[in-house]
Protein backbone atom coordinates (compact mmCIF):
# COMPACT_ATOMS: atom_id res chain seq x y z
CA MET A 1 -4.19 4.03 23.98
CA GLU A 2 -1.30 6.18 22.85
CA PRO A 3 -0.59 6.29 19.07
CA GLN A 4 2.28 4.07 18.03
CA PRO A 5 5.66 5.33 16.74
CA LEU A 6 5.42 6.49 13.17
CA TYR A 7 7.84 6.24 10.28
CA ALA A 8 7.12 8.36 7.23
CA LEU A 9 8.21 8.70 3.61
CA GLU A 10 7.36 11.40 1.08
CA LEU A 11 7.26 10.47 -2.59
CA ASP A 12 6.74 12.73 -5.62
CA GLY A 13 5.25 10.86 -8.56
CA SER A 14 6.19 13.63 -10.98
CA GLU A 15 9.84 12.74 -10.46
CA PRO A 16 11.39 9.90 -12.50
CA LEU A 17 12.05 6.49 -11.03
CA THR A 18 15.69 6.40 -9.92
CA PRO A 19 17.99 4.10 -7.94
CA THR A 20 17.94 6.76 -5.20
CA LEU A 21 14.17 6.33 -4.80
CA VAL A 22 14.51 2.56 -4.65
CA LYS A 23 17.14 2.94 -1.92
CA ALA A 24 14.95 5.39 0.02
CA VAL A 25 12.03 2.96 0.15
CA GLY A 26 14.43 0.13 0.99
CA ALA A 27 15.91 2.18 3.84
CA LEU A 28 12.42 2.79 5.23
CA CYS A 29 11.81 -0.96 5.18
CA ASP A 30 15.17 -1.55 6.91
CA ARG A 31 14.36 0.87 9.73
CA THR A 32 10.92 -0.62 10.21
CA GLU A 33 12.07 -4.25 10.24
CA ASP A 34 15.04 -3.57 12.52
CA ARG A 35 13.21 -1.51 15.11
CA GLY A 36 10.69 -4.04 16.41
CA GLY A 37 7.76 -2.89 18.51
CA HIS A 38 4.55 -1.70 16.89
CA PRO A 39 5.26 1.22 14.57
CA VAL A 40 2.95 2.40 11.81
CA VAL A 41 4.45 3.45 8.49
CA ALA A 42 2.96 6.46 6.69
CA VAL A 43 3.69 7.15 3.03
CA HIS A 44 2.77 10.59 1.71
CA VAL A 45 2.51 10.64 -2.08
CA THR A 46 1.42 13.07 -4.77
CA GLY A 47 2.28 14.00 -8.33
CA ALA A 48 2.09 12.24 -11.68
CA PRO A 49 4.71 11.95 -14.43
CA ASP A 50 4.62 13.70 -17.79
CA ASN A 51 4.49 11.86 -21.10
CA GLY A 52 7.73 10.09 -21.93
CA TRP A 53 8.57 9.50 -18.27
CA ALA A 54 9.60 5.89 -18.93
CA GLU A 55 12.10 6.62 -21.71
CA SER A 56 15.08 6.61 -19.35
CA LEU A 57 14.07 3.41 -17.53
CA ASP A 58 15.45 -0.07 -17.95
CA VAL A 59 13.89 -3.34 -16.88
CA MET A 60 16.52 -3.94 -14.18
CA LEU A 61 15.60 -0.70 -12.38
CA VAL A 62 11.88 -1.43 -12.75
CA THR A 63 12.45 -4.91 -11.31
CA LYS A 64 14.24 -3.45 -8.27
CA TRP A 65 11.41 -0.97 -7.80
CA GLU A 66 8.71 -3.65 -7.96
CA ARG A 67 10.64 -5.78 -5.47
CA VAL A 68 11.03 -2.96 -2.95
CA LEU A 69 7.32 -2.14 -3.31
CA ARG A 70 6.50 -5.76 -2.57
CA ARG A 71 8.71 -5.48 0.48
CA LEU A 72 6.82 -2.35 1.56
CA GLU A 73 3.54 -4.17 0.99
CA ARG A 74 4.62 -7.04 3.25
CA LEU A 75 6.18 -5.09 6.13
CA PRO A 76 5.52 -6.48 9.62
CA VAL A 77 3.60 -3.30 10.52
CA ALA A 78 0.45 -1.51 9.50
CA THR A 79 0.95 0.91 6.58
CA VAL A 80 -1.08 3.94 5.59
CA ALA A 81 -0.71 6.01 2.41
CA VAL A 82 -2.02 9.55 1.97
CA THR A 83 -2.37 11.38 -1.33
CA HIS A 84 -3.77 14.58 -2.82
CA GLY A 85 -4.02 16.08 -6.31
CA ASP A 86 -2.85 13.99 -9.23
CA CYS A 87 -1.34 10.68 -8.14
CA GLY A 88 0.40 8.57 -10.76
CA GLY A 89 3.60 6.74 -11.58
CA THR A 90 5.67 5.83 -8.54
CA ALA A 91 3.26 7.74 -6.28
CA LEU A 92 0.30 5.61 -7.36
CA GLU A 93 2.31 2.40 -7.10
CA ALA A 94 3.40 3.14 -3.53
CA PHE A 95 -0.11 4.30 -2.63
CA LEU A 96 -1.64 1.01 -3.73
CA ALA A 97 0.88 -1.02 -1.71
CA ALA A 98 -0.41 0.33 1.63
CA ASP A 99 -2.89 -1.35 3.95
CA ILE A 100 -4.98 1.80 4.37
CA ARG A 101 -5.27 4.42 1.61
CA VAL A 102 -6.46 7.95 2.33
CA ALA A 103 -7.17 10.58 -0.33
CA ALA A 104 -7.99 14.27 -0.34
CA PRO A 105 -11.16 15.26 -2.24
CA ASP A 106 -9.11 16.69 -5.13
CA THR A 107 -7.29 13.40 -5.76
CA ARG A 108 -7.11 11.83 -9.21
CA LEU A 109 -5.49 8.42 -9.62
CA LEU A 110 -3.69 8.22 -12.96
CA LEU A 111 -2.02 5.36 -14.79
CA PRO A 112 0.75 6.92 -16.89
CA ARG A 113 0.41 6.51 -20.64
CA ASP A 114 2.40 7.29 -23.73
CA ALA A 115 1.67 7.13 -27.45
CA THR A 116 1.14 3.36 -27.37
CA ALA A 117 -0.65 2.45 -24.13
CA THR A 118 -0.73 2.78 -20.35
CA TRP A 119 2.27 1.69 -18.28
CA PRO A 120 2.02 -2.10 -17.65
CA GLY A 121 3.43 -2.08 -14.11
CA MET A 122 2.01 -3.82 -11.06
CA ALA A 123 -0.24 -0.86 -10.20
CA GLY A 124 -2.66 -2.34 -12.73
CA TYR A 125 -2.52 -5.70 -10.97
CA ARG A 126 -3.23 -4.13 -7.57
CA LEU A 127 -6.10 -2.06 -8.98
CA VAL A 128 -7.75 -5.17 -10.38
CA ARG A 129 -7.31 -7.00 -7.07
CA LEU A 130 -8.94 -4.09 -5.25
CA ALA A 131 -11.70 -3.04 -7.63
CA GLY A 132 -12.24 -5.91 -10.08
CA VAL A 133 -11.69 -5.99 -13.83
CA ALA A 134 -15.00 -4.54 -15.00
CA ARG A 135 -14.97 -1.49 -12.77
CA ILE A 136 -11.38 -0.46 -13.47
CA ARG A 137 -11.12 -1.42 -17.16
CA LYS A 138 -11.17 2.11 -18.63
CA ALA A 139 -8.45 3.30 -16.28
CA LEU A 140 -6.21 0.33 -17.07
CA LEU A 141 -6.69 0.26 -20.82
CA PHE A 142 -7.05 3.94 -21.63
CA GLY A 143 -5.67 5.87 -18.67
CA ARG A 144 -8.98 7.42 -17.64
CA PRO A 145 -8.47 9.28 -14.32
CA VAL A 146 -10.16 7.82 -11.26
CA GLN A 147 -11.55 10.61 -9.08
CA ALA A 148 -11.45 10.39 -5.29
CA ALA A 149 -15.17 9.69 -4.86
CA GLU A 150 -15.08 6.94 -7.48
CA ALA A 151 -11.95 5.42 -5.93
CA LEU A 152 -13.76 5.33 -2.58
CA ALA A 153 -16.77 3.58 -4.12
CA LEU A 154 -14.47 1.06 -5.83
CA GLY A 155 -12.66 0.24 -2.60
CA VAL A 156 -9.35 1.53 -3.95
CA VAL A 157 -9.44 4.34 -1.35
CA ASP A 158 -10.54 3.71 2.24
CA GLU A 159 -11.26 7.32 3.19
CA VAL A 160 -11.65 10.70 1.51
CA THR A 161 -10.89 13.58 3.85
CA ASP A 162 -9.60 17.15 4.06
CA ASP A 163 -7.63 16.20 7.18
CA PRO A 164 -5.14 13.46 6.24
CA ALA A 165 -3.11 13.99 9.42
CA ALA A 166 -6.14 13.02 11.50
CA ALA A 167 -6.67 9.97 9.30
CA VAL A 168 -3.08 8.83 9.82
CA SER A 169 -3.45 9.34 13.57
CA ALA A 170 -6.64 7.26 13.52
CA VAL A 171 -4.84 4.40 11.77
CA SER A 172 -2.06 4.60 14.34
CA GLU A 173 -4.59 4.31 17.15
CA LEU A 174 -6.44 1.50 15.34
CA ALA A 175 -3.24 -0.52 15.12
CA GLY A 176 -2.20 0.34 18.68
CA GLY A 177 -1.15 -2.68 20.70
CA LEU A 178 -1.23 -5.08 17.77
CA SER A 179 1.83 -7.12 16.86
CA GLY A 180 3.27 -6.06 13.53
CA LYS A 181 4.35 -9.61 12.76
CA GLU A 182 0.85 -10.90 13.43
CA VAL A 183 -0.65 -8.15 11.25
CA ALA A 184 1.64 -9.30 8.44
CA ILE A 185 0.44 -12.89 8.81
CA ARG A 186 -3.22 -11.82 8.70
CA ARG A 187 -2.46 -9.68 5.65
CA GLN A 188 -0.93 -12.64 3.81
CA LEU A 189 -3.90 -14.84 4.68
CA MET A 190 -6.15 -12.12 3.29
CA PHE A 191 -4.15 -11.88 0.05
CA ASP A 192 -4.15 -15.66 -0.38
CA ALA A 193 -7.91 -15.90 0.14
CA ALA A 194 -8.52 -14.26 -3.24
CA THR A 195 -6.73 -17.01 -5.18
CA THR A 196 -6.55 -20.07 -2.90
CA GLY A 197 -9.20 -22.75 -2.50
CA PHE A 198 -10.59 -23.59 0.93
CA GLU A 199 -8.77 -26.88 1.37
CA ASP A 200 -5.43 -25.35 0.35
CA ALA A 201 -5.97 -22.33 2.61
CA LEU A 202 -7.04 -24.35 5.66
CA GLY A 203 -3.52 -25.42 6.62
CA ALA A 204 -2.17 -21.87 6.65
CA HIS A 205 -5.10 -20.63 8.73
CA LEU A 206 -4.77 -23.48 11.21
CA ALA A 207 -1.04 -22.79 11.54
CA ALA A 208 -1.83 -19.13 12.29
CA CYS A 209 -4.43 -20.21 14.86
CA ASP A 210 -1.88 -22.51 16.51
CA ARG A 211 0.65 -19.67 16.60
CA ALA A 212 -1.90 -17.35 18.23
CA LEU A 213 -2.86 -19.97 20.83
CA ARG A 214 0.76 -20.66 21.72
CA GLN A 215 1.40 -16.96 22.31
CA GLY A 216 -1.46 -16.76 24.80
CA PRO A 217 -3.64 -13.72 25.52
CA GLY A 218 -2.23 -10.22 25.10
CA PRO A 219 -1.59 -8.02 28.12
CA GLU A 220 -4.97 -6.27 27.93
CA VAL A 221 -6.91 -9.56 27.60
CA ALA A 222 -4.94 -11.20 30.40
CA ALA A 223 -5.61 -8.29 32.73
CA SER A 224 -9.36 -8.16 32.07
C-alpha cells in the first residue's frame, strides 16, 4: 500500500515559546482537520532551552500552548514525532503528544529547570502516564536527563534509530488505509482506559463497536 500524504512541522526547543509557535501548531491542526482523507502528521523536534527560558512567559500564553498541544494530541490522524540530540521545553512537549515517538541514539529528553525546580507543564503529566511515577521520578523532580535507550525501555520512545526518515515512512505505511477519525476514537478509548472503570468504559466501547458495524467492512475486507 502506498504511504499516505504527510504533513510535517519542525520545532526548535531551544527557542522560546511565542504566540507565533502556537499559531504554527494551530495551523498544522487546521490543515489536517480540513483536508480529510488519511494523512499522517510528522513533527520533527530538537533542542532544549537555556536556564531562565520561562522568564518572559505568562500563564495566558502557556494556556494557549497547552490547548494547541492537546489539539495536536487528539487529531483525527496518526501522528509521529522524531527527535535527536537534546530535546526539552516545547520540543519535548510536542514530542510527547504524538502517537508514535522516534528518537536518534544521541537523544536526551530534558525537563527544563531553573533555580527553584523543573518546569511544571503537562510534559510531566504525559511522562507519568507513559512511564509511571516510580520510573520517571528523578527526571520530573530533579531534571535528570533521560537517555534514548532508557526512554525506549520506559515506553516513552517507541523506536531508537539512525534513520528517522525510514521510521516515519514505516508509520505512514502502518496507518495506510485506516480512517483518521476512527484512529482518534480508538486513541481516546485507550486514554480513558487508564483512568476509567470497566462499567463506565463499557458504554463508550459499545458505542464505538456500533459505529464500526454501521460503517460495514472496509474496501479491502469487502473485496476479499
